[in-house]
């Protein structure tokens, strides 16, 4: 909604109860709207009944980028149906537009966005709660540290109860790991992360983060053991390296242990060099520079990894 080109409130078209037509332009202009493709959504029977019950009801729709590449450029644009507007959701939108700090620099924006959406994590309106989970899921791991010991474990565990909630499981796991003063949360994390880290479940990255948040060095040792296991798949390895990097970013006290693991990984092969170089650059850490330098002479190192290593060894001023 914040980055959309056009935002409208829509109602059924005068000549068709099955089609939407814009009633009010919230963002953009009439000229912008006329240049866009028609709203593609049909109004389902449930929504038609809701419109009949409340003629003042509207549906929020946006038109804009739905995905971005690594440089932040929009890959495609389309209409998206956000939600039916209710008085509570109207208040949510009014507050959202008023949050000017959400549109500042990337780091500030991530922190501000997490702080804003955290207010809705326990909201009785499931749509607003889901919106909060989606936005917090998108935030970098350092930004969600502010939610440490602030979310009820029972709320997060609800996401594990239904297949329809699977998309919310990763963020629920990461948030569970931050509830370090909640016995129920820590017990769940300790019962799940060792197996996930070792066997490589689809949530290995998230359980590794949660485990390290709860158990620190012991969980890092579990990740280390998993990295040394035979027949380790590359995507599993990448998830574990990424979890170590993100954990070290938020907890400098564990970096020495992580750097020893990274050093061994660089000695064995360069498949994780990119992730490790990014972490070392972000940490302003030079202890692995002597292992990065020879990789610049290795023809098998891909251009992106080579570029990051070069900027790490000779930062651009």
Protein backbone atom coordinates (compact mmCIF):
# COMPACT_ATOMS: atom_id res chain seq x y z
CA UNK A 1 0.00 0.00 0.00
CA UNK A 2 2.83 2.39 0.85
CA UNK A 3 4.68 1.85 -2.44
CA UNK A 4 1.69 1.39 -4.76
CA UNK A 5 1.30 3.68 -7.77
CA UNK A 6 -2.46 3.91 -7.35
CA UNK A 7 -4.71 3.11 -4.38
CA UNK A 8 -8.49 3.17 -4.71
CA UNK A 9 -11.62 2.35 -2.77
CA UNK A 10 -13.88 0.31 -5.03
CA UNK A 11 -17.57 -0.66 -5.15
CA UNK A 12 -19.71 -2.70 -7.57
CA UNK A 13 -20.06 -1.13 -11.01
CA UNK A 14 -23.47 0.50 -11.66
CA UNK A 15 -24.17 -1.84 -14.57
CA UNK A 16 -22.71 -5.04 -13.05
CA UNK A 17 -22.80 -6.36 -9.51
CA UNK A 18 -19.93 -8.68 -10.42
CA UNK A 19 -17.36 -6.03 -11.38
CA UNK A 20 -15.50 -3.41 -9.35
CA UNK A 21 -15.36 0.27 -10.20
CA UNK A 22 -13.28 2.89 -8.34
CA UNK A 23 -15.30 5.09 -6.01
CA UNK A 24 -12.47 7.10 -4.47
CA UNK A 25 -8.81 7.56 -5.40
CA UNK A 26 -6.68 7.43 -2.26
CA UNK A 27 -3.35 7.70 -4.09
CA UNK A 28 -2.67 8.76 -7.67
CA UNK A 29 -4.81 10.79 -10.06
CA UNK A 30 -7.71 10.22 -12.42
CA UNK A 31 -5.25 10.40 -15.32
CA UNK A 32 -3.15 7.65 -13.67
CA UNK A 33 -6.24 5.52 -13.25
CA UNK A 34 -7.33 5.92 -16.87
CA UNK A 35 -3.95 4.64 -18.08
CA UNK A 36 -4.18 1.43 -16.06
CA UNK A 37 -5.74 -1.89 -17.11
CA UNK A 38 -9.23 -2.54 -15.82
CA UNK A 39 -9.63 -4.03 -12.36
CA UNK A 40 -9.54 -7.79 -13.09
CA UNK A 41 -11.34 -9.15 -10.01
CA UNK A 42 -14.90 -10.45 -10.03
CA UNK A 43 -17.00 -9.81 -6.95
CA UNK A 44 -17.73 -13.14 -5.26
CA UNK A 45 -21.09 -14.03 -3.75
CA UNK A 46 -19.95 -13.38 -0.17
CA UNK A 47 -18.73 -9.89 -1.04
CA UNK A 48 -21.89 -9.15 -3.05
CA UNK A 49 -23.97 -10.09 0.00
CA UNK A 50 -21.82 -7.82 2.16
CA UNK A 51 -22.36 -4.93 -0.26
CA UNK A 52 -26.12 -5.52 -0.16
CA UNK A 53 -26.05 -5.51 3.65
CA UNK A 54 -23.92 -2.36 3.78
CA UNK A 55 -24.21 -0.09 0.73
CA UNK A 56 -21.51 2.16 2.23
CA UNK A 57 -18.92 -0.64 2.19
CA UNK A 58 -15.81 -0.32 0.02
CA UNK A 59 -12.89 -2.59 -0.95
CA UNK A 60 -9.30 -1.35 -0.96
CA UNK A 61 -7.38 -2.10 -4.16
CA UNK A 62 -3.85 -1.15 -5.20
CA UNK A 63 -1.97 -1.05 -8.49
CA UNK A 64 1.80 -1.24 -8.40
CA UNK A 65 4.92 -3.31 -8.18
CA UNK A 66 4.47 -6.79 -6.73
CA UNK A 67 8.12 -7.91 -6.84
CA UNK A 68 11.57 -6.32 -6.99
CA UNK A 69 14.98 -7.43 -8.17
CA UNK A 70 18.20 -7.20 -6.17
CA UNK A 71 18.61 -3.54 -7.12
CA UNK A 72 15.14 -2.66 -5.85
CA UNK A 73 13.63 -2.23 -9.33
CA UNK A 74 10.03 -3.24 -9.91
CA UNK A 75 9.63 -6.43 -11.91
CA UNK A 76 5.93 -6.26 -12.60
CA UNK A 77 2.82 -4.27 -11.82
CA UNK A 78 -0.73 -5.43 -11.31
CA UNK A 79 -3.92 -4.84 -9.39
CA UNK A 80 -4.03 -6.32 -5.88
CA UNK A 81 -7.09 -6.68 -3.68
CA UNK A 82 -6.07 -5.74 -0.14
CA UNK A 83 -9.17 -6.00 2.06
CA UNK A 84 -12.74 -4.87 2.68
CA UNK A 85 -12.71 -1.60 4.55
CA UNK A 86 -14.21 -1.63 8.05
CA UNK A 87 -14.07 1.15 10.68
CA UNK A 88 -11.10 -0.58 12.38
CA UNK A 89 -9.27 -1.02 9.09
CA UNK A 90 -10.01 2.62 8.22
CA UNK A 91 -8.26 3.63 11.45
CA UNK A 92 -5.38 1.33 10.53
CA UNK A 93 -5.02 2.98 7.11
CA UNK A 94 -5.23 6.51 8.52
CA UNK A 95 -2.47 5.68 11.00
CA UNK A 96 -0.40 4.00 8.29
CA UNK A 97 -0.47 7.02 5.99
CA UNK A 98 0.46 9.22 8.96
CA UNK A 99 3.61 7.22 9.70
CA UNK A 100 5.97 9.48 7.76
CA UNK A 101 9.07 7.79 9.18
CA UNK A 102 8.14 4.59 7.36
CA UNK A 103 9.30 6.22 4.15
CA UNK A 104 12.77 7.30 5.29
CA UNK A 105 16.04 5.43 4.72
CA UNK A 106 15.96 1.64 4.51
CA UNK A 107 17.26 0.88 8.04
CA UNK A 108 15.03 3.45 9.71
CA UNK A 109 12.08 2.33 7.59
CA UNK A 110 12.49 -1.32 8.61
CA UNK A 111 12.64 -0.49 12.31
CA UNK A 112 9.74 1.94 12.10
CA UNK A 113 7.64 -0.50 10.11
CA UNK A 114 8.19 -3.30 12.63
CA UNK A 115 7.31 -0.98 15.50
CA UNK A 116 4.15 0.12 13.71
CA UNK A 117 2.88 -3.33 12.73
CA UNK A 118 3.77 -4.88 16.09
CA UNK A 119 0.73 -3.08 17.49
CA UNK A 120 -1.49 -5.38 15.41
CA UNK A 121 0.09 -8.76 16.22
CA UNK A 122 -2.67 -9.53 18.74
CA UNK A 123 -5.48 -7.65 17.01
CA UNK A 124 -8.87 -9.36 17.02
CA UNK A 125 -9.25 -8.62 13.29
CA UNK A 126 -7.43 -11.53 11.64
CA UNK A 127 -6.83 -9.50 8.47
CA UNK A 128 -4.93 -6.82 10.38
CA UNK A 129 -3.03 -9.47 12.35
CA UNK A 130 -2.07 -11.26 9.14
CA UNK A 131 -0.99 -7.96 7.61
CA UNK A 132 1.27 -7.38 10.60
CA UNK A 133 2.79 -10.85 10.32
CA UNK A 134 3.44 -10.38 6.60
CA UNK A 135 5.21 -7.05 7.11
CA UNK A 136 7.28 -8.32 10.04
CA UNK A 137 8.21 -11.41 8.01
CA UNK A 138 9.62 -9.08 5.35
CA UNK A 139 11.75 -7.14 7.84
CA UNK A 140 15.46 -7.94 8.26
CA UNK A 141 16.31 -9.97 11.36
CA UNK A 142 18.00 -7.08 13.21
CA UNK A 143 14.83 -5.00 12.95
CA UNK A 144 12.63 -7.55 14.72
CA UNK A 145 14.89 -7.64 17.78
CA UNK A 146 12.67 -4.97 19.31
CA UNK A 147 9.99 -7.67 19.66
CA UNK A 148 12.08 -9.66 22.14
CA UNK A 149 9.90 -10.76 25.07
CA UNK A 150 6.88 -8.87 23.75
CA UNK A 151 4.75 -11.47 21.90
CA UNK A 152 2.74 -14.20 23.61
CA UNK A 153 3.93 -17.71 22.73
CA UNK A 154 0.35 -18.99 22.49
CA UNK A 155 -0.40 -16.40 19.78
CA UNK A 156 2.58 -17.57 17.75
CA UNK A 157 1.88 -21.27 18.21
CA UNK A 158 -1.54 -20.84 16.60
CA UNK A 159 0.25 -20.51 13.25
CA UNK A 160 1.30 -24.17 13.46
CA UNK A 161 -2.27 -25.49 13.77
CA UNK A 162 -3.47 -25.32 10.17
CA UNK A 163 -2.10 -25.91 6.70
CA UNK A 164 -3.76 -22.65 5.66
CA UNK A 165 -1.38 -20.83 8.02
CA UNK A 166 1.83 -22.36 6.69
CA UNK A 167 3.02 -19.10 5.14
CA UNK A 168 3.14 -17.56 8.61
CA UNK A 169 5.20 -20.35 10.20
CA UNK A 170 8.67 -18.91 9.40
CA UNK A 171 8.03 -15.55 11.04
CA UNK A 172 6.31 -17.29 13.97
CA UNK A 173 9.45 -19.40 14.51
CA UNK A 174 11.73 -16.37 14.44
CA UNK A 175 9.49 -14.53 16.89
CA UNK A 176 9.29 -17.58 19.19
CA UNK A 177 13.07 -17.54 19.42
CA UNK A 178 12.98 -13.96 20.67
CA UNK A 179 10.67 -14.76 23.60
CA UNK A 180 13.61 -15.89 25.73
CA UNK A 181 11.86 -15.15 29.03
CA UNK A 182 8.85 -17.29 28.13
CA UNK A 183 9.35 -20.89 29.29
CA UNK A 184 6.80 -22.26 26.83
CA UNK A 185 8.49 -20.54 23.89
CA UNK A 186 11.98 -21.68 24.84
CA UNK A 187 10.82 -25.26 25.39
CA UNK A 188 9.26 -25.34 21.93
CA UNK A 189 12.39 -23.90 20.34
CA UNK A 190 14.68 -26.36 22.15
CA UNK A 191 12.52 -29.29 21.13
CA UNK A 192 12.51 -28.32 17.44
CA UNK A 193 15.71 -26.63 16.35
CA UNK A 194 18.27 -29.48 16.74
CA UNK A 195 16.42 -31.80 14.36
CA UNK A 196 15.58 -29.07 11.87
CA UNK A 197 19.18 -27.82 11.80
CA UNK A 198 20.58 -31.32 11.38
CA UNK A 199 18.12 -32.72 8.84
CA UNK A 200 17.43 -29.57 6.89
CA UNK A 201 13.70 -28.93 7.12
CA UNK A 202 12.14 -26.17 5.07
CA UNK A 203 12.43 -23.97 8.13
CA UNK A 204 16.07 -24.71 8.97
CA UNK A 205 17.08 -21.05 8.70
CA UNK A 206 14.30 -19.92 11.04
CA UNK A 207 14.83 -22.69 13.62
CA UNK A 208 18.59 -22.03 13.56
CA UNK A 209 17.96 -18.35 14.31
CA UNK A 210 15.53 -19.24 17.08
CA UNK A 211 17.89 -21.82 18.57
CA UNK A 212 20.84 -19.44 18.60
CA UNK A 213 18.68 -16.73 20.18
CA UNK A 214 17.68 -19.13 22.97
CA UNK A 215 20.78 -21.29 23.45
CA UNK A 216 23.60 -19.20 22.01
CA UNK A 217 26.89 -21.16 21.76
CA UNK A 218 25.19 -24.55 22.18
CA UNK A 219 22.95 -23.89 19.19
CA UNK A 220 25.89 -22.59 17.16
CA UNK A 221 27.67 -25.86 17.94
CA UNK A 222 24.62 -27.73 16.61
CA UNK A 223 24.76 -25.69 13.41
CA UNK A 224 28.50 -26.37 13.18
CA UNK A 225 27.88 -30.12 13.47
CA UNK A 226 25.22 -29.96 10.77
CA UNK A 227 27.59 -28.12 8.43
CA UNK A 228 30.10 -30.92 8.91
CA UNK A 229 27.64 -33.70 8.15
CA UNK A 230 27.98 -35.82 5.03
CA UNK A 231 25.82 -35.20 1.95
CA UNK A 232 24.83 -31.70 3.06
CA UNK A 233 22.67 -30.10 0.38
CA UNK A 234 23.77 -26.71 -0.85
CA UNK A 235 20.49 -24.94 -0.07
CA UNK A 236 20.55 -26.33 3.47
CA UNK A 237 24.14 -25.19 3.90
CA UNK A 238 23.26 -21.73 2.62
CA UNK A 239 20.39 -21.49 5.12
CA UNK A 240 22.67 -22.36 8.03
CA UNK A 241 25.42 -19.95 6.94
CA UNK A 242 22.82 -17.22 6.59
CA UNK A 243 21.47 -17.96 10.06
CA UNK A 244 24.96 -17.72 11.54
CA UNK A 245 25.56 -14.42 9.74
CA UNK A 246 22.27 -12.88 10.89
CA UNK A 247 22.76 -14.13 14.45
CA UNK A 248 26.26 -12.66 14.59
CA UNK A 249 24.94 -9.36 13.29
CA UNK A 250 22.56 -8.97 16.24
CA UNK A 251 24.86 -10.59 18.85
CA UNK A 252 28.52 -9.49 18.59
CA UNK A 253 29.43 -11.66 21.60
CA UNK A 254 29.04 -14.85 19.53
CA UNK A 255 31.02 -13.68 16.50
CA UNK A 256 34.31 -15.34 17.50
CA UNK A 257 32.68 -18.77 17.47
CA UNK A 258 30.95 -18.04 14.16
CA UNK A 259 34.11 -16.71 12.52
CA UNK A 260 35.94 -19.95 13.35
CA UNK A 261 33.19 -21.85 11.52
CA UNK A 262 33.32 -19.47 8.58
CA UNK A 263 37.10 -19.87 8.38
CA UNK A 264 36.78 -23.64 8.16
CA UNK A 265 34.08 -23.34 5.49
CA UNK A 266 36.31 -21.11 3.37
CA UNK A 267 39.16 -23.59 3.71
CA UNK A 268 37.00 -26.45 2.46
CA UNK A 269 35.35 -24.73 -0.52
CA UNK A 270 34.16 -21.33 -1.69
CA UNK A 271 30.46 -22.14 -2.14
CA UNK A 272 29.52 -19.94 0.84
CA UNK A 273 32.10 -17.21 0.20
CA UNK A 274 29.49 -14.66 -0.86
CA UNK A 275 27.41 -14.94 2.31
CA UNK A 276 30.49 -14.98 4.52
CA UNK A 277 32.07 -11.99 2.75
CA UNK A 278 28.88 -9.96 3.17
CA UNK A 279 28.80 -10.77 6.89
CA UNK A 280 32.48 -9.88 7.36
CA UNK A 281 31.98 -6.63 5.49
CA UNK A 282 28.93 -5.74 7.60
CA UNK A 283 30.81 -6.57 10.81
CA UNK A 284 33.92 -4.59 9.76
CA UNK A 285 35.81 -7.81 10.45
CA UNK A 286 39.25 -8.40 8.87
CA UNK A 287 40.28 -11.78 10.32
CA UNK A 288 39.24 -13.70 7.20
CA UNK A 289 40.72 -11.28 4.67
CA UNK A 290 43.74 -13.53 4.10
CA UNK A 291 41.35 -16.31 3.04
CA UNK A 292 39.32 -14.07 0.75
CA UNK A 293 42.28 -12.71 -1.20
CA UNK A 294 43.21 -15.99 -2.96
CA UNK A 295 39.62 -16.40 -4.14
CA UNK A 296 40.07 -13.39 -6.43
CA UNK A 297 42.55 -15.48 -8.41
CA UNK A 298 40.16 -18.43 -8.64
CA UNK A 299 38.43 -18.55 -12.02
CA UNK A 300 35.57 -20.61 -10.57
CA UNK A 301 34.43 -17.76 -8.30
CA UNK A 302 31.35 -16.10 -9.78
CA UNK A 303 31.36 -12.36 -10.62
CA UNK A 304 29.00 -11.34 -7.81
CA UNK A 305 31.09 -13.09 -5.15
CA UNK A 306 34.26 -11.63 -6.68
CA UNK A 307 32.79 -8.12 -6.57
CA UNK A 308 31.70 -8.42 -2.91
CA UNK A 309 35.13 -9.75 -1.92
CA UNK A 310 36.80 -6.88 -3.76
CA UNK A 311 34.65 -4.31 -1.94
CA UNK A 312 35.38 -6.09 1.32
CA UNK A 313 39.16 -6.01 0.82
CA UNK A 314 39.22 -2.53 -0.72
CA UNK A 315 36.05 -0.68 0.38
CA UNK A 316 34.78 1.99 -2.01
CA UNK A 317 35.16 5.42 -0.40
